[in-house]
N, C-alpha and C. Protein backbone atom coordinates (compact mmCIF):
# COMPACT_ATOMS: atom_id res chain seq x y z
N MET A 1 97.32 -35.23 190.46
CA MET A 1 96.54 -34.36 191.37
C MET A 1 95.04 -33.13 190.39
N ASN A 2 94.56 -33.29 192.27
CA ASN A 2 93.03 -32.61 192.30
C ASN A 2 93.87 -31.39 191.81
N PRO A 3 92.31 -30.38 191.31
CA PRO A 3 92.61 -29.46 190.61
C PRO A 3 92.68 -28.50 191.73
N ARG A 4 92.65 -27.84 191.52
CA ARG A 4 92.91 -26.09 192.75
C ARG A 4 92.32 -25.20 192.51
N VAL A 5 92.31 -23.95 193.16
CA VAL A 5 90.88 -23.56 193.98
C VAL A 5 90.87 -22.12 192.49
N LYS A 6 90.25 -21.43 192.37
CA LYS A 6 90.63 -20.10 190.84
C LYS A 6 89.45 -18.94 191.45
N GLN A 7 89.27 -19.77 191.95
CA GLN A 7 88.04 -18.84 192.47
C GLN A 7 86.81 -18.96 193.68
N VAL A 8 86.43 -17.77 194.68
CA VAL A 8 85.74 -17.74 196.21
C VAL A 8 84.70 -17.33 196.37
N SER A 9 84.13 -17.37 197.48
CA SER A 9 82.91 -16.15 197.21
C SER A 9 82.92 -17.17 198.48
N ALA A 10 82.01 -15.86 199.44
CA ALA A 10 81.44 -16.38 201.01
C ALA A 10 80.40 -16.74 200.61
N LEU A 11 80.02 -18.04 201.88
CA LEU A 11 78.09 -17.35 201.27
C LEU A 11 77.94 -17.48 202.33
N ASN A 12 76.10 -16.99 203.05
CA ASN A 12 75.52 -17.86 204.57
C ASN A 12 76.03 -18.89 205.17
N ASN A 13 76.16 -19.08 206.26
CA ASN A 13 75.86 -19.88 206.81
C ASN A 13 77.21 -20.77 206.24
N TYR A 14 78.48 -20.14 207.00
CA TYR A 14 79.50 -20.99 206.70
C TYR A 14 80.21 -20.92 205.65
N LYS A 15 80.03 -20.90 204.58
CA LYS A 15 80.14 -22.83 203.34
C LYS A 15 80.69 -21.73 202.26
N LEU A 16 81.69 -21.42 201.50
CA LEU A 16 82.75 -21.46 200.10
C LEU A 16 81.61 -21.91 198.91
N SER A 17 81.56 -20.96 197.59
CA SER A 17 81.25 -21.34 196.73
C SER A 17 82.80 -20.86 195.75
N LEU A 18 83.08 -22.20 195.32
CA LEU A 18 84.33 -22.35 194.93
C LEU A 18 84.00 -22.53 193.15
N VAL A 19 85.45 -22.32 192.17
CA VAL A 19 85.92 -22.38 191.55
C VAL A 19 87.31 -23.69 191.34
N PHE A 20 87.06 -24.33 190.74
CA PHE A 20 87.81 -24.60 190.53
C PHE A 20 89.10 -25.15 189.74
N THR A 21 89.86 -25.24 188.88
CA THR A 21 91.39 -25.30 188.18
C THR A 21 89.85 -25.50 186.80
N ASN A 22 89.22 -26.36 186.76
CA ASN A 22 89.15 -27.41 185.94
C ASN A 22 87.73 -27.32 185.78
N GLY A 23 87.55 -26.29 186.30
CA GLY A 23 86.01 -25.45 185.34
C GLY A 23 84.93 -26.17 186.84
N GLU A 24 85.00 -27.18 187.19
CA GLU A 24 83.99 -27.60 187.92
C GLU A 24 84.11 -26.54 189.63
N ARG A 25 82.14 -26.54 189.65
CA ARG A 25 82.09 -25.38 190.54
C ARG A 25 82.11 -26.35 191.77
N GLY A 26 81.72 -25.80 192.72
CA GLY A 26 82.03 -26.32 194.19
C GLY A 26 81.17 -26.13 195.67
N ILE A 27 80.58 -26.66 196.80
CA ILE A 27 80.38 -25.63 197.77
C ILE A 27 81.47 -26.77 199.01
N TYR A 28 81.58 -26.12 199.48
CA TYR A 28 82.64 -26.52 201.21
C TYR A 28 81.59 -25.73 202.18
N ASP A 29 82.16 -26.88 203.21
CA ASP A 29 81.00 -26.45 204.06
C ASP A 29 82.42 -25.80 205.29
N CYS A 30 82.36 -24.48 205.72
CA CYS A 30 83.51 -24.68 206.87
C CYS A 30 82.64 -25.10 208.46
N SER A 31 81.54 -25.06 208.75
CA SER A 31 81.16 -24.88 209.67
C SER A 31 81.59 -26.42 211.20
N SER A 32 82.24 -27.52 210.25
CA SER A 32 82.43 -27.55 211.25
C SER A 32 84.08 -27.62 212.21
N LEU A 33 84.74 -26.72 211.28
CA LEU A 33 86.09 -26.40 211.30
C LEU A 33 86.23 -25.07 212.08
N LEU A 34 84.67 -24.37 212.54
CA LEU A 34 84.83 -23.07 213.32
C LEU A 34 85.01 -23.25 215.47
N GLU A 35 85.73 -24.57 215.60
CA GLU A 35 85.24 -25.10 216.58
C GLU A 35 86.72 -24.68 217.20
N PHE A 36 87.51 -24.96 216.21
CA PHE A 36 89.08 -25.56 216.04
C PHE A 36 90.13 -24.98 216.59
N GLY A 37 90.73 -24.72 216.48
CA GLY A 37 91.86 -23.52 217.36
C GLY A 37 92.17 -21.51 216.27
N VAL A 38 92.67 -22.50 215.16
CA VAL A 38 93.15 -20.84 214.33
C VAL A 38 91.39 -21.04 214.13
N PHE A 39 90.63 -21.33 213.60
CA PHE A 39 89.77 -20.97 212.90
C PHE A 39 88.49 -20.43 213.11
N LYS A 40 88.61 -20.47 215.00
CA LYS A 40 87.54 -20.37 215.63
C LYS A 40 87.02 -19.03 215.16
N GLU A 41 88.07 -18.02 214.35
CA GLU A 41 88.33 -16.55 213.99
C GLU A 41 86.88 -17.10 213.26
N LEU A 42 86.68 -17.68 212.15
CA LEU A 42 86.30 -18.18 210.85
C LEU A 42 84.32 -17.78 211.30
N LYS A 43 84.33 -17.53 212.95
CA LYS A 43 83.10 -17.59 212.95
C LYS A 43 82.27 -15.96 213.22
N ASN A 44 83.27 -14.92 213.29
CA ASN A 44 82.40 -13.78 212.88
C ASN A 44 82.66 -13.70 211.09
N SER A 45 81.09 -13.11 210.75
CA SER A 45 81.04 -13.60 210.33
C SER A 45 81.73 -12.66 208.65
N ASN A 46 82.84 -11.34 209.20
CA ASN A 46 82.54 -10.22 208.56
C ASN A 46 83.70 -10.17 208.20
N TYR A 47 84.04 -11.33 209.48
CA TYR A 47 86.33 -12.11 208.88
C TYR A 47 85.69 -13.05 207.71
N PHE A 48 84.94 -13.89 208.24
CA PHE A 48 85.18 -14.89 206.93
C PHE A 48 84.33 -14.34 205.97
N SER A 49 83.99 -13.08 205.14
CA SER A 49 83.59 -13.30 204.04
C SER A 49 84.76 -12.58 203.78
N GLN A 50 85.95 -12.34 204.03
CA GLN A 50 87.39 -11.38 203.58
C GLN A 50 88.04 -12.69 203.02
N VAL A 51 87.77 -13.86 203.01
CA VAL A 51 88.12 -14.96 201.83
C VAL A 51 88.59 -14.43 201.14
N LYS A 52 90.14 -15.17 200.52
CA LYS A 52 90.57 -14.85 199.07
C LYS A 52 91.37 -16.18 198.13
N THR A 53 91.54 -15.96 196.97
CA THR A 53 92.10 -17.37 197.02
C THR A 53 93.77 -16.62 196.84
N PHE A 54 94.73 -17.92 197.33
CA PHE A 54 96.12 -17.66 197.20
C PHE A 54 97.23 -18.81 197.67
N ASP A 55 98.02 -18.93 195.50
CA ASP A 55 98.31 -20.68 195.53
C ASP A 55 97.65 -21.17 195.75
N GLY A 56 96.13 -21.50 195.19
CA GLY A 56 95.11 -22.45 194.48
C GLY A 56 94.36 -22.99 195.72
N THR A 57 94.88 -22.03 197.06
CA THR A 57 93.67 -22.34 197.54
C THR A 57 92.94 -21.04 198.22
N VAL A 58 91.99 -21.46 199.73
CA VAL A 58 91.45 -20.01 199.87
C VAL A 58 92.65 -19.72 201.36
N VAL A 59 92.33 -18.40 201.91
CA VAL A 59 93.11 -18.03 202.56
C VAL A 59 92.34 -17.17 203.54
N TRP A 60 92.81 -16.69 204.48
CA TRP A 60 92.29 -15.26 205.11
C TRP A 60 93.12 -14.11 205.62
N PRO A 61 92.78 -13.10 206.25
CA PRO A 61 94.24 -12.04 206.28
C PRO A 61 94.75 -12.50 207.84
N HIS A 62 94.65 -13.84 208.30
CA HIS A 62 95.06 -13.53 209.96
C HIS A 62 95.72 -15.23 209.35
N GLU A 63 95.78 -16.09 208.04
CA GLU A 63 96.61 -17.44 207.55
C GLU A 63 95.87 -18.14 207.87
N GLN A 64 95.19 -18.51 207.94
CA GLN A 64 94.20 -19.41 207.98
C GLN A 64 93.91 -19.55 206.73
N ASP A 65 94.43 -20.95 206.97
CA ASP A 65 94.45 -21.50 205.20
C ASP A 65 93.65 -23.14 204.87
N ILE A 66 92.64 -23.78 203.91
CA ILE A 66 92.22 -24.93 203.51
C ILE A 66 93.27 -25.80 203.35
N CYS A 67 93.34 -27.01 203.08
CA CYS A 67 94.11 -27.61 202.17
C CYS A 67 93.49 -28.03 200.46
N PRO A 68 94.07 -27.19 199.65
CA PRO A 68 92.60 -27.90 198.58
C PRO A 68 92.45 -28.96 198.02
N ASP A 69 93.40 -29.78 198.42
CA ASP A 69 93.11 -31.03 198.39
C ASP A 69 91.41 -31.90 199.29
N THR A 70 90.98 -31.19 200.01
CA THR A 70 90.57 -31.37 200.86
C THR A 70 89.38 -30.03 200.55
N LEU A 71 89.58 -29.22 200.21
CA LEU A 71 88.44 -28.07 199.00
C LEU A 71 87.73 -29.00 197.92
N TYR A 72 88.94 -29.92 196.83
CA TYR A 72 87.89 -30.43 195.81
C TYR A 72 87.61 -31.77 196.59
N LEU A 73 87.95 -32.63 197.24
CA LEU A 73 87.21 -33.95 197.31
C LEU A 73 86.52 -33.99 198.69
N GLU A 74 86.67 -33.01 199.03
CA GLU A 74 84.59 -33.03 200.26
C GLU A 74 84.24 -31.90 199.85
N SER A 75 83.79 -30.87 198.77
CA SER A 75 82.56 -30.09 198.12
C SER A 75 81.85 -30.38 197.59
N LEU A 76 80.19 -29.94 198.18
CA LEU A 76 79.30 -30.50 196.99
C LEU A 76 80.05 -30.11 195.42
N ARG A 77 79.34 -30.75 194.26
CA ARG A 77 79.84 -30.20 192.82
C ARG A 77 78.49 -29.33 192.96
N GLU A 78 78.52 -28.47 192.18
CA GLU A 78 76.86 -27.79 191.96
C GLU A 78 77.12 -28.11 189.62
N ASN A 79 76.27 -27.89 189.04
CA ASN A 79 76.30 -28.01 188.04
C ASN A 79 76.68 -26.29 187.56
N ALA A 80 77.96 -26.43 186.23
CA ALA A 80 78.26 -24.90 186.06
C ALA A 80 77.44 -24.05 184.72
């Protein structure tokens, strides 16, 4: 099982700064999701910034979420 998200913060350009349960840090780019269904609402930068962690992943108030495995496997790693 891949590590889960324990901390998230919204960055500019629809990116998320992530801290995983194993201590690794990564940047996940959400821009490729913005034209699909429920994710269109994330285009609103005020709404996008309301991201929170829940149960090892990231969520927004209207129940959008991203698979924690996707977040881990597709994020660009940062140095701690």
